[in-house]
Amino acid sequence: MKNTLISLLVLGAALSVQPAAAQDAQALFKSKPCGACHALDSKLVGPSLKDVAAKNAGVSGAVDTLAGHIKNGTQGNWGPIPMPANPVTEEEAKTLASWVLTLK
């Protein structure tokens, strides 16, 4: 009984961390210029974040690739309009990329 209770407490703690991390990443997204070109569900200048997640689902190394695109910019992945480099740290870029890949 004691082991079951401990297991449930650990599981509950782990599950409660994920929404907090997602909220932190979403707050980071809102604090950066990302929202000027990207929306969660619809295409603006760039693709929707959910489209980015779908395109990269199951792709090996997607977090690092997306983090590089976020930090350094890219061109040609979604059409002719280039994505400029963004004022983010490596850690922030990875946080944003990881969060985007969780969207469905």
PDB file of N, CA and C in Angstrom:
ATOM      1  N   MET A   1       0.823  -1.192   0.000  1.00  0.00           N
ATOM      2  CA  MET A   1       0.000   0.000   0.000  1.00  0.00           C
ATOM      3  C   MET A   1       0.869   1.259   0.000  1.00  0.00           C
ATOM      4  N   LYS A   2       1.911   1.235   0.827  1.00  0.00           N
ATOM      5  CA  LYS A   2       2.800   2.391   0.921  1.00  0.00           C
ATOM      6  C   LYS A   2       3.506   2.644  -0.413  1.00  0.00           C
ATOM      7  N   ASN A   3       3.974   1.577  -1.077  1.00  0.00           N
ATOM      8  CA  ASN A   3       4.644   1.721  -2.378  1.00  0.00           C
ATOM      9  C   ASN A   3       3.695   2.266  -3.434  1.00  0.00           C
ATOM     10  N   THR A   4       2.462   1.835  -3.401  1.00  0.00           N
ATOM     11  CA  THR A   4       1.471   2.315  -4.358  1.00  0.00           C
ATOM     12  C   THR A   4       1.216   3.807  -4.153  1.00  0.00           C
ATOM     13  N   LEU A   5       1.099   4.208  -2.907  1.00  0.00           N
ATOM     14  CA  LEU A   5       0.870   5.609  -2.603  1.00  0.00           C
ATOM     15  C   LEU A   5       2.045   6.476  -3.063  1.00  0.00           C
ATOM     16  N   ILE A   6       3.246   6.024  -2.807  1.00  0.00           N
ATOM     17  CA  ILE A   6       4.441   6.761  -3.235  1.00  0.00           C
ATOM     18  C   ILE A   6       4.487   6.854  -4.755  1.00  0.00           C
ATOM     19  N   SER A   7       4.187   5.752  -5.424  1.00  0.00           N
ATOM     20  CA  SER A   7       4.176   5.753  -6.892  1.00  0.00           C
ATOM     21  C   SER A   7       3.162   6.747  -7.435  1.00  0.00           C
ATOM     22  N   LEU A   8       1.985   6.784  -6.831  1.00  0.00           N
ATOM     23  CA  LEU A   8       0.957   7.718  -7.277  1.00  0.00           C
ATOM     24  C   LEU A   8       1.371   9.173  -7.038  1.00  0.00           C
ATOM     25  N   LEU A   9       2.015   9.434  -5.920  1.00  0.00           N
ATOM     26  CA  LEU A   9       2.486  10.786  -5.637  1.00  0.00           C
ATOM     27  C   LEU A   9       3.555  11.223  -6.639  1.00  0.00           C
ATOM     28  N   VAL A  10       4.481  10.328  -6.957  1.00  0.00           N
ATOM     29  CA  VAL A  10       5.527  10.641  -7.926  1.00  0.00           C
ATOM     30  C   VAL A  10       4.915  10.880  -9.308  1.00  0.00           C
ATOM     31  N   LEU A  11       3.987  10.041  -9.699  1.00  0.00           N
ATOM     32  CA  LEU A  11       3.320  10.201 -10.988  1.00  0.00           C
ATOM     33  C   LEU A  11       2.561  11.526 -11.045  1.00  0.00           C
ATOM     34  N   GLY A  12       1.850  11.848  -9.984  1.00  0.00           N
ATOM     35  CA  GLY A  12       1.115  13.106  -9.931  1.00  0.00           C
ATOM     36  C   GLY A  12       2.041  14.309 -10.042  1.00  0.00           C
ATOM     37  N   ALA A  13       3.174  14.238  -9.374  1.00  0.00           N
ATOM     38  CA  ALA A  13       4.146  15.337  -9.442  1.00  0.00           C
ATOM     39  C   ALA A  13       4.693  15.478 -10.854  1.00  0.00           C
ATOM     40  N   ALA A  14       4.998  14.359 -11.491  1.00  0.00           N
ATOM     41  CA  ALA A  14       5.534  14.394 -12.855  1.00  0.00           C
ATOM     42  C   ALA A  14       4.514  14.981 -13.827  1.00  0.00           C
ATOM     43  N   LEU A  15       3.275  14.609 -13.678  1.00  0.00           N
ATOM     44  CA  LEU A  15       2.240  15.121 -14.571  1.00  0.00           C
ATOM     45  C   LEU A  15       1.971  16.599 -14.344  1.00  0.00           C
ATOM     46  N   SER A  16       2.125  17.060 -13.134  1.00  0.00           N
ATOM     47  CA  SER A  16       1.877  18.469 -12.856  1.00  0.00           C
ATOM     48  C   SER A  16       2.991  19.358 -13.385  1.00  0.00           C
ATOM     49  N   VAL A  17       4.171  18.818 -13.613  1.00  0.00           N
ATOM     50  CA  VAL A  17       5.292  19.599 -14.129  1.00  0.00           C
ATOM     51  C   VAL A  17       5.101  19.923 -15.607  1.00  0.00           C
ATOM     52  N   GLN A  18       4.547  19.014 -16.373  1.00  0.00           N
ATOM     53  CA  GLN A  18       4.393  19.229 -17.805  1.00  0.00           C
ATOM     54  C   GLN A  18       3.552  20.456 -18.142  1.00  0.00           C
ATOM     55  N   PRO A  19       2.377  20.648 -17.552  1.00  0.00           N
ATOM     56  CA  PRO A  19       1.625  21.849 -17.881  1.00  0.00           C
ATOM     57  C   PRO A  19       2.372  23.130 -17.498  1.00  0.00           C
ATOM     58  N   ALA A  20       3.094  23.113 -16.396  1.00  0.00           N
ATOM     59  CA  ALA A  20       3.863  24.299 -15.996  1.00  0.00           C
ATOM     60  C   ALA A  20       4.936  24.601 -17.035  1.00  0.00           C
ATOM     61  N   ALA A  21       5.611  23.558 -17.521  1.00  0.00           N
ATOM     62  CA  ALA A  21       6.639  23.760 -18.547  1.00  0.00           C
ATOM     63  C   ALA A  21       6.012  24.299 -19.830  1.00  0.00           C
ATOM     64  N   ALA A  22       4.839  23.787 -20.187  1.00  0.00           N
ATOM     65  CA  ALA A  22       4.154  24.267 -21.383  1.00  0.00           C
ATOM     66  C   ALA A  22       3.734  25.725 -21.208  1.00  0.00           C
ATOM     67  N   GLN A  23       3.274  26.082 -20.016  1.00  0.00           N
ATOM     68  CA  GLN A  23       2.899  27.470 -19.754  1.00  0.00           C
ATOM     69  C   GLN A  23       4.111  28.380 -19.844  1.00  0.00           C
ATOM     70  N   ASP A  24       5.251  27.916 -19.320  1.00  0.00           N
ATOM     71  CA  ASP A  24       6.484  28.706 -19.401  1.00  0.00           C
ATOM     72  C   ASP A  24       6.902  28.910 -20.850  1.00  0.00           C
ATOM     73  N   ALA A  25       6.817  27.859 -21.657  1.00  0.00           N
ATOM     74  CA  ALA A  25       7.198  27.963 -23.071  1.00  0.00           C
ATOM     75  C   ALA A  25       6.236  28.880 -23.817  1.00  0.00           C
ATOM     76  N   GLN A  26       4.963  28.793 -23.496  1.00  0.00           N
ATOM     77  CA  GLN A  26       3.992  29.662 -24.154  1.00  0.00           C
ATOM     78  C   GLN A  26       4.229  31.122 -23.756  1.00  0.00           C
ATOM     79  N   ALA A  27       4.571  31.363 -22.505  1.00  0.00           N
ATOM     80  CA  ALA A  27       4.890  32.720 -22.058  1.00  0.00           C
ATOM     81  C   ALA A  27       6.151  33.223 -22.771  1.00  0.00           C
ATOM     82  N   LEU A  28       7.133  32.342 -22.946  1.00  0.00           N
ATOM     83  CA  LEU A  28       8.351  32.700 -23.676  1.00  0.00           C
ATOM     84  C   LEU A  28       8.001  33.064 -25.117  1.00  0.00           C
ATOM     85  N   PHE A  29       7.162  32.255 -25.753  1.00  0.00           N
ATOM     86  CA  PHE A  29       6.711  32.525 -27.126  1.00  0.00           C
ATOM     87  C   PHE A  29       6.078  33.918 -27.216  1.00  0.00           C
ATOM     88  N   LYS A  30       5.238  34.238 -26.262  1.00  0.00           N
ATOM     89  CA  LYS A  30       4.549  35.528 -26.278  1.00  0.00           C
ATOM     90  C   LYS A  30       5.497  36.691 -26.004  1.00  0.00           C
ATOM     91  N   SER A  31       6.606  36.423 -25.324  1.00  0.00           N
ATOM     92  CA  SER A  31       7.555  37.493 -24.999  1.00  0.00           C
ATOM     93  C   SER A  31       8.536  37.783 -26.138  1.00  0.00           C
ATOM     94  N   LYS A  32       8.560  36.952 -27.130  1.00  0.00           N
ATOM     95  CA  LYS A  32       9.464  37.098 -28.273  1.00  0.00           C
ATOM     96  C   LYS A  32       8.663  37.544 -29.495  1.00  0.00           C
ATOM     97  N   PRO A  33       9.315  37.930 -30.583  1.00  0.00           N
ATOM     98  CA  PRO A  33       8.587  38.402 -31.771  1.00  0.00           C
ATOM     99  C   PRO A  33       7.944  37.287 -32.602  1.00  0.00           C
ATOM    100  N   CYS A  34       7.986  36.062 -32.128  1.00  0.00           N
ATOM    101  CA  CYS A  34       7.456  34.916 -32.889  1.00  0.00           C
ATOM    102  C   CYS A  34       6.008  35.116 -33.345  1.00  0.00           C
ATOM    103  N   GLY A  35       5.187  35.666 -32.444  1.00  0.00           N
ATOM    104  CA  GLY A  35       3.764  35.824 -32.723  1.00  0.00           C
ATOM    105  C   GLY A  35       3.446  36.807 -33.839  1.00  0.00           C
ATOM    106  N   ALA A  36       4.416  37.586 -34.263  1.00  0.00           N
ATOM    107  CA  ALA A  36       4.181  38.501 -35.383  1.00  0.00           C
ATOM    108  C   ALA A  36       3.980  37.729 -36.686  1.00  0.00           C
ATOM    109  N   CYS A  37       4.569  36.540 -36.776  1.00  0.00           N
ATOM    110  CA  CYS A  37       4.483  35.749 -38.010  1.00  0.00           C
ATOM    111  C   CYS A  37       3.824  34.388 -37.834  1.00  0.00           C
ATOM    112  N   HIS A  38       3.731  33.904 -36.595  1.00  0.00           N
ATOM    113  CA  HIS A  38       3.194  32.563 -36.351  1.00  0.00           C
ATOM    114  C   HIS A  38       2.037  32.603 -35.364  1.00  0.00           C
ATOM    115  N   ALA A  39       1.019  31.805 -35.650  1.00  0.00           N
ATOM    116  CA  ALA A  39      -0.116  31.601 -34.744  1.00  0.00           C
ATOM    117  C   ALA A  39      -0.197  30.120 -34.432  1.00  0.00           C
ATOM    118  N   LEU A  40      -0.916  29.783 -33.402  1.00  0.00           N
ATOM    119  CA  LEU A  40      -1.039  28.394 -32.987  1.00  0.00           C
ATOM    120  C   LEU A  40      -1.746  27.547 -34.046  1.00  0.00           C
ATOM    121  N   ASP A  41      -2.893  28.028 -34.521  1.00  0.00           N
ATOM    122  CA  ASP A  41      -3.757  27.219 -35.389  1.00  0.00           C
ATOM    123  C   ASP A  41      -3.862  27.677 -36.837  1.00  0.00           C
ATOM    124  N   SER A  42      -3.352  28.850 -37.161  1.00  0.00           N
ATOM    125  CA  SER A  42      -3.557  29.347 -38.528  1.00  0.00           C
ATOM    126  C   SER A  42      -2.284  29.968 -39.088  1.00  0.00           C
ATOM    127  N   LYS A  43      -2.181  29.935 -40.400  1.00  0.00           N
ATOM    128  CA  LYS A  43      -1.039  30.522 -41.092  1.00  0.00           C
ATOM    129  C   LYS A  43      -1.164  32.038 -41.056  1.00  0.00           C
ATOM    130  N   LEU A  44      -0.083  32.690 -40.714  1.00  0.00           N
ATOM    131  CA  LEU A  44       0.000  34.145 -40.827  1.00  0.00           C
ATOM    132  C   LEU A  44       1.022  34.415 -41.925  1.00  0.00           C
ATOM    133  N   VAL A  45       2.151  34.997 -41.597  1.00  0.00           N
ATOM    134  CA  VAL A  45       3.248  35.137 -42.552  1.00  0.00           C
ATOM    135  C   VAL A  45       3.936  33.776 -42.687  1.00  0.00           C
ATOM    136  N   GLY A  46       4.132  33.124 -41.550  1.00  0.00           N
ATOM    137  CA  GLY A  46       4.721  31.786 -41.515  1.00  0.00           C
ATOM    138  C   GLY A  46       3.657  30.753 -41.197  1.00  0.00           C
ATOM    139  N   PRO A  47       4.038  29.490 -41.184  1.00  0.00           N
ATOM    140  CA  PRO A  47       3.075  28.417 -40.922  1.00  0.00           C
ATOM    141  C   PRO A  47       2.580  28.455 -39.479  1.00  0.00           C
ATOM    142  N   SER A  48       1.439  27.814 -39.245  1.00  0.00           N
ATOM    143  CA  SER A  48       0.955  27.686 -37.870  1.00  0.00           C
ATOM    144  C   SER A  48       1.921  26.784 -37.101  1.00  0.00           C
ATOM    145  N   LEU A  49       1.964  26.983 -35.810  1.00  0.00           N
ATOM    146  CA  LEU A  49       2.845  26.155 -34.986  1.00  0.00           C
ATOM    147  C   LEU A  49       2.420  24.692 -35.030  1.00  0.00           C
ATOM    148  N   LYS A  50       1.126  24.453 -35.132  1.00  0.00           N
ATOM    149  CA  LYS A  50       0.647  23.067 -35.224  1.00  0.00           C
ATOM    150  C   LYS A  50       1.079  22.419 -36.537  1.00  0.00           C
ATOM    151  N   ASP A  51       1.151  23.188 -37.616  1.00  0.00           N
ATOM    152  CA  ASP A  51       1.643  22.657 -38.890  1.00  0.00           C
ATOM    153  C   ASP A  51       3.133  22.319 -38.792  1.00  0.00           C
ATOM    154  N   VAL A  52       3.885  23.165 -38.103  1.00  0.00           N
ATOM    155  CA  VAL A  52       5.310  22.892 -37.897  1.00  0.00           C
ATOM    156  C   VAL A  52       5.474  21.600 -37.094  1.00  0.00           C
ATOM    157  N   ALA A  53       4.665  21.448 -36.058  1.00  0.00           N
ATOM    158  CA  ALA A  53       4.730  20.235 -35.237  1.00  0.00           C
ATOM    159  C   ALA A  53       4.392  19.000 -36.065  1.00  0.00           C
ATOM    160  N   ALA A  54       3.346  19.094 -36.881  1.00  0.00           N
ATOM    161  CA  ALA A  54       2.933  17.947 -37.699  1.00  0.00           C
ATOM    162  C   ALA A  54       4.011  17.571 -38.716  1.00  0.00           C
ATOM    163  N   LYS A  55       4.617  18.579 -39.340  1.00  0.00           N
ATOM    164  CA  LYS A  55       5.650  18.318 -40.348  1.00  0.00           C
ATOM    165  C   LYS A  55       6.881  17.645 -39.733  1.00  0.00           C
ATOM    166  N   ASN A  56       7.155  17.952 -38.472  1.00  0.00           N
ATOM    167  CA  ASN A  56       8.357  17.445 -37.814  1.00  0.00           C
ATOM    168  C   ASN A  56       8.103  16.295 -36.851  1.00  0.00           C
ATOM    169  N   ALA A  57       6.877  15.810 -36.795  1.00  0.00           N
ATOM    170  CA  ALA A  57       6.543  14.704 -35.893  1.00  0.00           C
ATOM    171  C   ALA A  57       7.351  13.467 -36.255  1.00  0.00           C
ATOM    172  N   GLY A  58       8.031  12.932 -35.266  1.00  0.00           N
ATOM    173  CA  GLY A  58       8.802  11.706 -35.474  1.00  0.00           C
ATOM    174  C   GLY A  58      10.112  11.893 -36.209  1.00  0.00           C
ATOM    175  N   VAL A  59      10.485  13.113 -36.542  1.00  0.00           N
ATOM    176  CA  VAL A  59      11.727  13.378 -37.258  1.00  0.00           C
ATOM    177  C   VAL A  59      12.879  13.394 -36.257  1.00  0.00           C
ATOM    178  N   SER A  60      13.879  12.597 -36.528  1.00  0.00           N
ATOM    179  CA  SER A  60      15.046  12.534 -35.651  1.00  0.00           C
ATOM    180  C   SER A  60      15.782  13.874 -35.655  1.00  0.00           C
ATOM    181  N   GLY A  61      16.106  14.388 -34.470  1.00  0.00           N
ATOM    182  CA  GLY A  61      16.838  15.639 -34.361  1.00  0.00           C
ATOM    183  C   GLY A  61      15.995  16.885 -34.588  1.00  0.00           C
ATOM    184  N   ALA A  62      14.669  16.741 -34.567  1.00  0.00           N
ATOM    185  CA  ALA A  62      13.783  17.870 -34.870  1.00  0.00           C
ATOM    186  C   ALA A  62      13.945  19.025 -33.880  1.00  0.00           C
ATOM    187  N   VAL A  63      14.151  18.715 -32.604  1.00  0.00           N
ATOM    188  CA  VAL A  63      14.296  19.793 -31.611  1.00  0.00           C
ATOM    189  C   VAL A  63      15.500  20.662 -31.952  1.00  0.00           C
ATOM    190  N   ASP A  64      16.632  20.027 -32.231  1.00  0.00           N
ATOM    191  CA  ASP A  64      17.842  20.791 -32.553  1.00  0.00           C
ATOM    192  C   ASP A  64      17.692  21.566 -33.861  1.00  0.00           C
ATOM    193  N   THR A  65      17.064  20.947 -34.859  1.00  0.00           N
ATOM    194  CA  THR A  65      16.863  21.617 -36.145  1.00  0.00           C
ATOM    195  C   THR A  65      15.967  22.837 -35.982  1.00  0.00           C
ATOM    196  N   LEU A  66      14.828  22.651 -35.297  1.00  0.00           N
ATOM    197  CA  LEU A  66      13.913  23.775 -35.102  1.00  0.00           C
ATOM    198  C   LEU A  66      14.546  24.864 -34.240  1.00  0.00           C
ATOM    199  N   ALA A  67      15.282  24.463 -33.223  1.00  0.00           N
ATOM    200  CA  ALA A  67      15.954  25.446 -32.370  1.00  0.00           C
ATOM    201  C   ALA A  67      16.928  26.282 -33.202  1.00  0.00           C
ATOM    202  N   GLY A  68      17.635  25.643 -34.106  1.00  0.00           N
ATOM    203  CA  GLY A  68      18.542  26.361 -34.997  1.00  0.00           C
ATOM    204  C   GLY A  68      17.797  27.324 -35.904  1.00  0.00           C
ATOM    205  N   HIS A  69      16.646  26.901 -36.417  1.00  0.00           N
ATOM    206  CA  HIS A  69      15.843  27.775 -37.269  1.00  0.00           C
ATOM    207  C   HIS A  69      15.319  28.970 -36.481  1.00  0.00           C
ATOM    208  N   ILE A  70      14.895  28.725 -35.249  1.00  0.00           N
ATOM    209  CA  ILE A  70      14.367  29.799 -34.413  1.00  0.00           C
ATOM    210  C   ILE A  70      15.471  30.819 -34.121  1.00  0.00           C
ATOM    211  N   LYS A  71      16.628  30.339 -33.737  1.00  0.00           N
ATOM    212  CA  LYS A  71      17.719  31.229 -33.336  1.00  0.00           C
ATOM    213  C   LYS A  71      18.376  31.929 -34.536  1.00  0.00           C
ATOM    214  N   ASN A  72      18.634  31.185 -35.598  1.00  0.00           N
ATOM    215  CA  ASN A  72      19.431  31.705 -36.718  1.00  0.00           C
ATOM    216  C   ASN A  72      18.626  32.112 -37.946  1.00  0.00           C
ATOM    217  N   GLY A  73      17.344  31.751 -37.964  1.00  0.00           N
ATOM    218  CA  GLY A  73      16.524  32.016 -39.135  1.00  0.00           C
ATOM    219  C   GLY A  73      16.693  30.916 -40.179  1.00  0.00           C
ATOM    220  N   THR A  74      15.869  30.960 -41.199  1.00  0.00           N
ATOM    221  CA  THR A  74      15.913  29.958 -42.263  1.00  0.00           C
ATOM    222  C   THR A  74      15.153  30.492 -43.476  1.00  0.00           C
ATOM    223  N   GLN A  75      15.316  29.819 -44.581  1.00  0.00           N
ATOM    224  CA  GLN A  75      14.592  30.205 -45.787  1.00  0.00           C
ATOM    225  C   GLN A  75      14.335  28.972 -46.633  1.00  0.00           C
ATOM    226  N   GLY A  76      13.150  28.925 -47.233  1.00  0.00           N
ATOM    227  CA  GLY A  76      12.832  27.867 -48.170  1.00  0.00           C
ATOM    228  C   GLY A  76      12.132  26.655 -47.604  1.00  0.00           C
ATOM    229  N   ASN A  77      11.977  26.558 -46.297  1.00  0.00           N
ATOM    230  CA  ASN A  77      11.298  25.395 -45.719  1.00  0.00           C
ATOM    231  C   ASN A  77       9.788  25.453 -45.894  1.00  0.00           C
ATOM    232  N   TRP A  78       9.228  26.662 -45.931  1.00  0.00           N
ATOM    233  CA  TRP A  78       7.784  26.832 -46.018  1.00  0.00           C
ATOM    234  C   TRP A  78       7.404  27.801 -47.139  1.00  0.00           C
ATOM    235  N   GLY A  79       8.315  28.044 -48.058  1.00  0.00           N
ATOM    236  CA  GLY A  79       8.031  28.973 -49.139  1.00  0.00           C
ATOM    237  C   GLY A  79       9.134  30.015 -49.252  1.00  0.00           C
ATOM    238  N   PRO A  80       8.901  31.022 -50.068  1.00  0.00           N
ATOM    239  CA  PRO A  80       9.970  31.976 -50.371  1.00  0.00           C
ATOM    240  C   PRO A  80      10.240  33.032 -49.287  1.00  0.00           C
ATOM    241  N   ILE A  81       9.321  33.228 -48.363  1.00  0.00           N
ATOM    242  CA  ILE A  81       9.514  34.262 -47.347  1.00  0.00           C
ATOM    243  C   ILE A  81      10.479  33.742 -46.281  1.00  0.00           C
ATOM    244  N   PRO A  82      11.593  34.437 -46.071  1.00  0.00           N
ATOM    245  CA  PRO A  82      12.569  33.963 -45.089  1.00  0.00           C
ATOM    246  C   PRO A  82      12.098  34.219 -43.658  1.00  0.00           C
ATOM    247  N   MET A  83      12.527  33.329 -42.766  1.00  0.00           N
ATOM    248  CA  MET A  83      12.296  33.542 -41.340  1.00  0.00           C
ATOM    249  C   MET A  83      13.567  34.175 -40.786  1.00  0.00           C
ATOM    250  N   PRO A  84      13.456  35.362 -40.193  1.00  0.00           N
ATOM    251  CA  PRO A  84      14.654  36.022 -39.671  1.00  0.00           C
ATOM    252  C   PRO A  84      15.158  35.353 -38.389  1.00  0.00           C
ATOM    253  N   ALA A  85      16.402  35.624 -38.076  1.00  0.00           N
ATOM    254  CA  ALA A  85      16.959  35.174 -36.799  1.00  0.00           C
ATOM    255  C   ALA A  85      16.199  35.868 -35.674  1.00  0.00           C
ATOM    256  N   ASN A  86      16.118  35.207 -34.536  1.00  0.00           N
ATOM    257  CA  ASN A  86      15.381  35.752 -33.403  1.00  0.00           C
ATOM    258  C   ASN A  86      16.289  35.984 -32.205  1.00  0.00           C
ATOM    259  N   PRO A  87      15.952  36.973 -31.397  1.00  0.00           N
ATOM    260  CA  PRO A  87      16.764  37.283 -30.216  1.00  0.00           C
ATOM    261  C   PRO A  87      16.479  36.317 -29.071  1.00  0.00           C
ATOM    262  N   VAL A  88      16.974  35.103 -29.218  1.00  0.00           N
ATOM    263  CA  VAL A  88      16.795  34.070 -28.195  1.00  0.00           C
ATOM    264  C   VAL A  88      18.142  33.423 -27.897  1.00  0.00           C
ATOM    265  N   THR A  89      18.255  32.877 -26.700  1.00  0.00           N
ATOM    266  CA  THR A  89      19.439  32.103 -26.357  1.00  0.00           C
ATOM    267  C   THR A  89      19.271  30.692 -26.899  1.00  0.00           C
ATOM    268  N   GLU A  90      20.334  29.911 -26.860  1.00  0.00           N
ATOM    269  CA  GLU A  90      20.245  28.504 -27.278  1.00  0.00           C
ATOM    270  C   GLU A  90      19.195  27.774 -26.440  1.00  0.00           C
ATOM    271  N   GLU A  91      19.207  28.018 -25.136  1.00  0.00           N
ATOM    272  CA  GLU A  91      18.262  27.361 -24.226  1.00  0.00           C
ATOM    273  C   GLU A  91      16.822  27.762 -24.539  1.00  0.00           C
ATOM    274  N   GLU A  92      16.597  29.035 -24.786  1.00  0.00           N
ATOM    275  CA  GLU A  92      15.251  29.496 -25.134  1.00  0.00           C
ATOM    276  C   GLU A  92      14.794  28.884 -26.453  1.00  0.00           C
ATOM    277  N   ALA A  93      15.687  28.820 -27.421  1.00  0.00           N
ATOM    278  CA  ALA A  93      15.337  28.225 -28.718  1.00  0.00           C
ATOM    279  C   ALA A  93      14.950  26.764 -28.554  1.00  0.00           C
ATOM    280  N   LYS A  94      15.676  26.028 -27.727  1.00  0.00           N
ATOM    281  CA  LYS A  94      15.343  24.614 -27.499  1.00  0.00           C
ATOM    282  C   LYS A  94      14.038  24.472 -26.732  1.00  0.00           C
ATOM    283  N   THR A  95      13.795  25.366 -25.785  1.00  0.00           N
ATOM    284  CA  THR A  95      12.525  25.343 -25.052  1.00  0.00           C
ATOM    285  C   THR A  95      11.364  25.570 -26.002  1.00  0.00           C
ATOM    286  N   LEU A  96      11.488  26.567 -26.868  1.00  0.00           N
ATOM    287  CA  LEU A  96      10.434  26.858 -27.838  1.00  0.00           C
ATOM    288  C   LEU A  96      10.240  25.700 -28.813  1.00  0.00           C
ATOM    289  N   ALA A  97      11.333  25.147 -29.328  1.00  0.00           N
ATOM    290  CA  ALA A  97      11.243  24.038 -30.275  1.00  0.00           C
ATOM    291  C   ALA A  97      10.587  22.827 -29.634  1.00  0.00           C
ATOM    292  N   SER A  98      10.985  22.502 -28.429  1.00  0.00           N
ATOM    293  CA  SER A  98      10.391  21.355 -27.720  1.00  0.00           C
ATOM    294  C   SER A  98       8.891  21.560 -27.520  1.00  0.00           C
ATOM    295  N   TRP A  99       8.518  22.778 -27.141  1.00  0.00           N
ATOM    296  CA  TRP A  99       7.093  23.082 -26.936  1.00  0.00           C
ATOM    297  C   TRP A  99       6.311  22.973 -28.243  1.00  0.00           C
ATOM    298  N   VAL A 100       6.833  23.542 -29.314  1.00  0.00           N
ATOM    299  CA  VAL A 100       6.141  23.488 -30.598  1.00  0.00           C
ATOM    300  C   VAL A 100       5.894  22.036 -31.010  1.00  0.00           C
ATOM    301  N   LEU A 101       6.870  21.179 -30.783  1.00  0.00           N
ATOM    302  CA  LEU A 101       6.729  19.778 -31.190  1.00  0.00           C
ATOM    303  C   LEU A 101       5.675  19.013 -30.376  1.00  0.00           C
ATOM    304  N   THR A 102       5.223  19.572 -29.255  1.00  0.00           N
ATOM    305  CA  THR A 102       4.178  18.912 -28.463  1.00  0.00           C
ATOM    306  C   THR A 102       2.779  19.287 -28.936  1.00  0.00           C
ATOM    307  N   LEU A 103       2.678  20.281 -29.788  1.00  0.00           N
ATOM    308  CA  LEU A 103       1.353  20.785 -30.198  1.00  0.00           C
ATOM    309  C   LEU A 103       0.705  19.832 -31.187  1.00  0.00           C
ATOM    310  N   LYS A 104      -0.612  19.703 -31.060  1.00  0.00           N
ATOM    311  CA  LYS A 104      -1.375  18.831 -31.967  1.00  0.00           C
ATOM    312  C   LYS A 104      -2.621  19.517 -32.425  1.00  0.00           C
TER     313      LYS A 104
END
